[in-house]
C-alpha atoms as a PDB file:
ATOM      1  CA  MET A   1       6.383 -11.287   4.719  1.00  0.00           C
ATOM      2  CA  ILE A   2       5.951 -14.382   6.810  1.00  0.00           C
ATOM      3  CA  ILE A   3       7.296 -15.254  10.221  1.00  0.00           C
ATOM      4  CA  MET A   4       9.889 -18.031  10.247  1.00  0.00           C
ATOM      5  CA  GLN A   5      10.642 -19.695  13.553  1.00  0.00           C
ATOM      6  CA  SER A   6      13.727 -21.428  14.814  1.00  0.00           C
ATOM      7  CA  TRP A   7      14.615 -22.718  18.247  1.00  0.00           C
ATOM      8  CA  LYS A   8      17.407 -24.220  20.262  1.00  0.00           C
ATOM      9  CA  LYS A   9      16.900 -26.694  23.050  1.00  0.00           C
ATOM     10  CA  LYS A  10      19.038 -26.035  26.108  1.00  0.00           C
ATOM     11  CA  LYS A  11      20.502 -28.649  28.441  1.00  0.00           C
ATOM     12  CA  ASP A  12      17.929 -27.881  31.128  1.00  0.00           C
ATOM     13  CA  GLY A  13      15.087 -28.729  28.700  1.00  0.00           C
ATOM     14  CA  THR A  14      13.915 -25.186  27.943  1.00  0.00           C
ATOM     15  CA  LYS A  15      13.813 -23.831  24.434  1.00  0.00           C
ATOM     16  CA  THR A  16      15.042 -20.513  23.132  1.00  0.00           C
ATOM     17  CA  ARG A  17      12.887 -19.343  20.215  1.00  0.00           C
ATOM     18  CA  TRP A  18      13.655 -16.839  17.487  1.00  0.00           C
ATOM     19  CA  ASN A  19      11.029 -15.362  15.233  1.00  0.00           C
ATOM     20  CA  TYR A  20      12.348 -13.653  12.136  1.00  0.00           C
ATOM     21  CA  LEU A  21      10.759 -12.417   8.947  1.00  0.00           C
ATOM     22  CA  LYS A  22      11.280 -13.728   5.450  1.00  0.00           C
ATOM     23  CA  CYS A  23       9.794 -12.455   2.219  1.00  0.00           C
ATOM     24  CA  SER A  24       7.115 -14.888   1.096  1.00  0.00           C
ATOM     25  CA  GLN A  25       7.755 -13.867  -2.508  1.00  0.00           C
ATOM     26  CA  TYR A  26      11.372 -15.057  -2.191  1.00  0.00           C
ATOM     27  CA  ARG A  27      10.308 -18.412  -0.776  1.00  0.00           C
ATOM     28  CA  ARG A  28       7.801 -19.034  -3.548  1.00  0.00           C
ATOM     29  CA  SER A  29       9.481 -17.840  -6.698  1.00  0.00           C
ATOM     30  CA  ASN A  30      12.801 -16.158  -5.899  1.00  0.00           C
ATOM     31  CA  ASP A  31      11.421 -12.837  -7.207  1.00  0.00           C
ATOM     32  CA  CYS A  32      12.671 -11.036  -4.119  1.00  0.00           C
ATOM     33  CA  VAL A  33      16.168 -10.542  -2.736  1.00  0.00           C
ATOM     34  CA  ASN A  34      17.208 -12.623   0.260  1.00  0.00           C
ATOM     35  CA  HIS A  35      17.917  -9.976   2.882  1.00  0.00           C
ATOM     36  CA  VAL A  36      19.494 -10.598   6.257  1.00  0.00           C
ATOM     37  CA  PRO A  37      17.066 -12.071   8.796  1.00  0.00           C
ATOM     38  CA  ILE A  38      15.065  -9.450  10.680  1.00  0.00           C
ATOM     39  CA  THR A  39      13.490 -10.334  13.968  1.00  0.00           C
ATOM     40  CA  TYR A  40       9.828  -9.551  14.320  1.00  0.00           C
ATOM     41  CA  GLU A  41      10.446  -7.452  17.426  1.00  0.00           C
ATOM     42  CA  HIS A  42      13.075  -5.344  15.649  1.00  0.00           C
ATOM     43  CA  LEU A  43      10.816  -4.734  12.641  1.00  0.00           C
ATOM     44  CA  ARG A  44       7.871  -3.849  14.851  1.00  0.00           C
ATOM     45  CA  HIS A  45       9.972  -1.435  16.923  1.00  0.00           C
ATOM     46  CA  THR A  46      11.399   0.205  13.781  1.00  0.00           C
ATOM     47  CA  ILE A  47       7.970   0.620  12.193  1.00  0.00           C
ATOM     48  CA  ILE A  48       6.544   2.149  15.371  1.00  0.00           C
ATOM     49  CA  GLN A  49       9.447   4.622  15.595  1.00  0.00           C
ATOM     50  CA  GLU A  50       9.091   5.599  11.930  1.00  0.00           C
ATOM     51  CA  LEU A  51       5.331   6.056  12.297  1.00  0.00           C
ATOM     52  CA  LYS A  52       5.803   8.236  15.382  1.00  0.00           C
ATOM     53  CA  LYS A  53       8.349  10.421  13.577  1.00  0.00           C
ATOM     54  CA  GLU A  54       6.118  10.840  10.556  1.00  0.00           C
ATOM     55  CA  SER A  55       3.011  11.462  12.656  1.00  0.00           C
ATOM     56  CA  ASP A  56       4.820  14.228  14.548  1.00  0.00           C
ATOM     57  CA  LYS A  57       5.520  15.935  11.228  1.00  0.00           C
ATOM     58  CA  VAL A  58       1.925  15.780  10.037  1.00  0.00           C
ATOM     59  CA  ASN A  59      -0.026  15.836  13.260  1.00  0.00           C
ATOM     60  CA  PHE A  60      -1.108  19.455  12.955  1.00  0.00           C
ATOM     61  CA  ASN A  61      -2.174  19.441   9.342  1.00  0.00           C
ATOM     62  CA  LEU A  62      -3.544  15.922   8.911  1.00  0.00           C
ATOM     63  CA  GLU A  63      -6.636  17.105   7.058  1.00  0.00           C
ATOM     64  CA  GLU A  64      -4.565  19.173   4.615  1.00  0.00           C
ATOM     65  CA  CYS A  65      -2.252  16.215   3.982  1.00  0.00           C
ATOM     66  CA  LEU A  66      -5.106  13.844   3.225  1.00  0.00           C
ATOM     67  CA  THR A  67      -6.942  16.298   0.983  1.00  0.00           C
ATOM     68  CA  SER A  68      -3.779  17.102  -0.984  1.00  0.00           C
ATOM     69  CA  ASN A  69      -3.050  13.374  -1.336  1.00  0.00           C
ATOM     70  CA  ASN A  70      -6.596  12.791  -2.525  1.00  0.00           C
ATOM     71  CA  GLU A  71      -6.278  15.634  -5.032  1.00  0.00           C
ATOM     72  CA  LYS A  72      -3.065  14.098  -6.400  1.00  0.00           C
ATOM     73  CA  LYS A  73      -4.733  10.701  -6.711  1.00  0.00           C
ATOM     74  CA  ILE A  74      -7.772  12.248  -8.431  1.00  0.00           C
ATOM     75  CA  LYS A  75      -5.558  14.027 -10.976  1.00  0.00           C
ATOM     76  CA  GLN A  76      -3.668  10.805 -11.624  1.00  0.00           C
ATOM     77  CA  LEU A  77      -6.911   8.897 -12.154  1.00  0.00           C
ATOM     78  CA  GLU A  78      -8.226  11.599 -14.484  1.00  0.00           C
ATOM     79  CA  ARG A  79      -5.039  11.353 -16.576  1.00  0.00           C
ATOM     80  CA  LYS A  80      -5.496   7.581 -16.783  1.00  0.00           C
ATOM     81  CA  MET A  81      -9.112   8.075 -17.881  1.00  0.00           C
ATOM     82  CA  GLU A  82      -7.997  10.438 -20.652  1.00  0.00           C
ATOM     83  CA  ALA A  83      -5.402   7.879 -21.752  1.00  0.00           C
ATOM     84  CA  ASN A  84      -8.123   5.213 -21.842  1.00  0.00           C
ATOM     85  CA  LYS A  85     -10.302   7.435 -24.043  1.00  0.00           C
ATOM     86  CA  LEU A  86      -7.390   7.821 -26.443  1.00  0.00           C
ATOM     87  CA  LYS A  87      -6.819   4.049 -26.391  1.00  0.00           C
ATOM     88  CA  LYS A  88     -10.493   3.537 -27.155  1.00  0.00           C
ATOM     89  CA  THR A  89     -10.341   5.698 -30.272  1.00  0.00           C
ATOM     90  CA  LYS A  90      -7.095   4.033 -31.409  1.00  0.00           C
ATOM     91  CA  LEU A  91      -8.702   0.649 -30.831  1.00  0.00           C
ATOM     92  CA  LEU A  92     -11.551   1.638 -33.135  1.00  0.00           C
ATOM     93  CA  ASP A  93      -9.053   2.677 -35.791  1.00  0.00           C
ATOM     94  CA  VAL A  94      -7.263  -0.671 -35.495  1.00  0.00           C
ATOM     95  CA  TYR A  95     -10.584  -2.500 -35.819  1.00  0.00           C
ATOM     96  CA  LEU A  96     -11.664  -0.451 -38.846  1.00  0.00           C
ATOM     97  CA  GLU A  97      -8.349  -1.165 -40.568  1.00  0.00           C
ATOM     98  CA  GLY A  98      -9.015  -4.881 -40.116  1.00  0.00           C
ATOM     99  CA  ILE A  99      -6.027  -5.632 -37.915  1.00  0.00           C
ATOM    100  CA  ILE A 100      -8.208  -7.165 -35.179  1.00  0.00           C
ATOM    101  CA  ASP A 101     -11.553  -8.917 -35.445  1.00  0.00           C
ATOM    102  CA  LYS A 102     -14.862  -7.859 -33.912  1.00  0.00           C
ATOM    103  CA  VAL A 103     -14.693 -10.212 -30.900  1.00  0.00           C
ATOM    104  CA  GLU A 104     -11.251  -8.984 -29.872  1.00  0.00           C
ATOM    105  CA  TYR A 105     -12.337  -5.362 -30.406  1.00  0.00           C
ATOM    106  CA  GLU A 106     -15.403  -5.775 -28.208  1.00  0.00           C
ATOM    107  CA  GLU A 107     -13.367  -7.524 -25.471  1.00  0.00           C
ATOM    108  CA  LYS A 108     -10.780  -4.776 -25.314  1.00  0.00           C
ATOM    109  CA  ARG A 109     -13.443  -2.079 -25.511  1.00  0.00           C
ATOM    110  CA  GLU A 110     -15.337  -3.640 -22.585  1.00  0.00           C
ATOM    111  CA  ASN A 111     -12.112  -3.805 -20.555  1.00  0.00           C
ATOM    112  CA  LEU A 112     -11.464  -0.115 -21.186  1.00  0.00           C
ATOM    113  CA  ILE A 113     -15.036   0.759 -20.212  1.00  0.00           C
ATOM    114  CA  LYS A 114     -14.757  -1.264 -16.983  1.00  0.00           C
ATOM    115  CA  ASP A 115     -11.432   0.407 -16.157  1.00  0.00           C
ATOM    116  CA  ASN A 116     -12.996   3.836 -16.670  1.00  0.00           C
ATOM    117  CA  GLU A 117     -15.962   2.922 -14.471  1.00  0.00           C
ATOM    118  CA  ASN A 118     -13.625   1.724 -11.708  1.00  0.00           C
ATOM    119  CA  MET A 119     -11.624   4.933 -11.942  1.00  0.00           C
ATOM    120  CA  GLU A 120     -14.806   7.025 -11.803  1.00  0.00           C
ATOM    121  CA  ASP A 121     -15.835   5.156  -8.656  1.00  0.00           C
ATOM    122  CA  GLN A 122     -12.426   5.773  -7.090  1.00  0.00           C
ATOM    123  CA  ILE A 123     -12.629   9.474  -7.973  1.00  0.00           C
ATOM    124  CA  PHE A 124     -16.069   9.658  -6.373  1.00  0.00           C
ATOM    125  CA  LEU A 125     -14.815   8.003  -3.188  1.00  0.00           C
ATOM    126  CA  LEU A 126     -11.747  10.243  -3.015  1.00  0.00           C
ATOM    127  CA  SER A 127     -13.791  13.393  -3.513  1.00  0.00           C
ATOM    128  CA  ASN A 128     -16.461  12.376  -0.981  1.00  0.00           C
ATOM    129  CA  GLN A 129     -16.052  14.698   2.017  1.00  0.00           C
ATOM    130  CA  ALA A 130     -17.814  12.403   4.509  1.00  0.00           C
ATOM    131  CA  ALA A 131     -15.501   9.511   3.654  1.00  0.00           C
ATOM    132  CA  ASN A 132     -12.510  11.826   4.082  1.00  0.00           C
ATOM    133  CA  GLU A 133     -13.695  12.794   7.559  1.00  0.00           C
ATOM    134  CA  VAL A 134     -14.057   9.115   8.500  1.00  0.00           C
ATOM    135  CA  ASN A 135     -10.538   8.410   7.170  1.00  0.00           C
ATOM    136  CA  ILE A 136      -9.164  11.300   9.217  1.00  0.00           C
ATOM    137  CA  LYS A 137     -10.911   9.927  12.288  1.00  0.00           C
ATOM    138  CA  TYR A 138      -9.508   6.403  11.737  1.00  0.00           C
ATOM    139  CA  ILE A 139      -6.013   7.689  11.079  1.00  0.00           C
ATOM    140  CA  GLN A 140      -6.109   9.923  14.155  1.00  0.00           C
ATOM    141  CA  GLU A 141      -7.254   7.003  16.320  1.00  0.00           C
ATOM    142  CA  ALA A 142      -4.527   4.795  14.857  1.00  0.00           C
ATOM    143  CA  LEU A 143      -1.872   7.452  15.523  1.00  0.00           C
ATOM    144  CA  ASP A 144      -3.093   7.801  19.109  1.00  0.00           C
ATOM    145  CA  SER A 145      -2.918   4.040  19.654  1.00  0.00           C
ATOM    146  CA  LEU A 146       0.775   3.984  18.652  1.00  0.00           C
ATOM    147  CA  ASN A 147       1.614   5.046  22.213  1.00  0.00           C
ATOM    148  CA  ASN A 148       0.335   1.739  23.591  1.00  0.00           C
ATOM    149  CA  THR A 149       3.062  -0.542  22.235  1.00  0.00           C
ATOM    150  CA  LYS A 150       2.065  -3.529  24.377  1.00  0.00           C
ATOM    151  CA  GLN A 151      -1.085  -4.231  22.385  1.00  0.00           C
ATOM    152  CA  ASP A 152      -1.354  -5.855  18.963  1.00  0.00           C
ATOM    153  CA  LEU A 153      -0.859  -3.061  16.421  1.00  0.00           C
ATOM    154  CA  PHE A 154      -1.510  -4.987  13.214  1.00  0.00           C
ATOM    155  CA  HIS A 155      -4.742  -3.088  12.467  1.00  0.00           C
ATOM    156  CA  VAL A 156      -2.925   0.204  13.140  1.00  0.00           C
ATOM    157  CA  PHE A 157      -0.202  -0.718  10.659  1.00  0.00           C
ATOM    158  CA  GLN A 158      -2.845  -1.597   8.058  1.00  0.00           C
ATOM    159  CA  ILE A 159      -4.486   1.801   8.450  1.00  0.00           C
ATOM    160  CA  LEU A 160      -1.313   3.893   8.489  1.00  0.00           C
ATOM    161  CA  ILE A 161       0.963   2.104   6.005  1.00  0.00           C
ATOM    162  CA  GLU A 162       0.161   1.734   2.322  1.00  0.00           C
ATOM    163  CA  LYS A 163       3.325  -0.090   1.330  1.00  0.00           C
ATOM    164  CA  GLY A 164       6.636  -1.125   2.866  1.00  0.00           C
ATOM    165  CA  ILE A 165       9.848  -2.198   1.176  1.00  0.00           C
ATOM    166  CA  ILE A 166      12.782  -3.857   2.919  1.00  0.00           C
ATOM    167  CA  TYR A 167      16.030  -3.819   0.962  1.00  0.00           C
ATOM    168  CA  GLU A 168      18.744  -6.442   0.990  1.00  0.00           C
ATOM    169  CA  ASP A 169      20.892  -4.443   3.431  1.00  0.00           C
ATOM    170  CA  GLY A 170      18.007  -4.168   5.906  1.00  0.00           C
ATOM    171  CA  GLN A 171      16.994  -0.578   5.062  1.00  0.00           C
ATOM    172  CA  MET A 172      13.282   0.052   5.037  1.00  0.00           C
ATOM    173  CA  ASP A 173      11.071   2.435   3.052  1.00  0.00           C
ATOM    174  CA  LEU A 174       7.481   2.961   4.157  1.00  0.00           C
ATOM    175  CA  ARG A 175       4.720   4.676   2.213  1.00  0.00           C
ATOM    176  CA  TYR A 176       2.229   6.206   4.619  1.00  0.00           C
ATOM    177  CA  SER A 177      -1.468   6.689   3.986  1.00  0.00           C
ATOM    178  CA  PHE A 178      -1.414  10.093   5.699  1.00  0.00           C
ATOM    179  CA  SER A 179       1.829  11.711   4.611  1.00  0.00           C
ATOM    180  CA  LEU A 180       2.346  14.647   2.251  1.00  0.00           C
ATOM    181  CA  ASN A 181       5.463  13.317   0.572  1.00  0.00           C
ATOM    182  CA  HIS A 182       4.307  10.020  -0.883  1.00  0.00           C
ATOM    183  CA  SER A 183       3.046   9.644  -4.418  1.00  0.00           C
END
């Protein structure tokens, strides 16, 4: 999302400014729908209200929520690693049958190995208890700073929100980094 600005000059020489948000993906390649203009203030207010509602739900069991989310992510990564192992054996079969040459085989094999290494690193980070405690601390501080709506909350939004989707009719779905019910 980017902020688009428009203004109107009044007879007395002052300007009235409007800041509204537009999907940058739509402007570049028309891959996104063109939803009705949303003012920055309205979006910010809506996000703050949604975050407060969600934080009230999870405030008491924040540690449980994060650990269960981490466990789900670890299981998902382990399934992907198993799928990569299966792909690796199938790739060997394809190479032995002569369908692909040695260079292509080695390229794809290296990619699978790198993917597995990245997933192992992610699993290690997710299972690391000290990192989880730091995440809980950051999330708790970010939730506490939601009460001060006069300050810039961009860093708070980055900590608390994984992904946000705004539909053509203006409805918004947020995926929180601390919630139990996101995948």
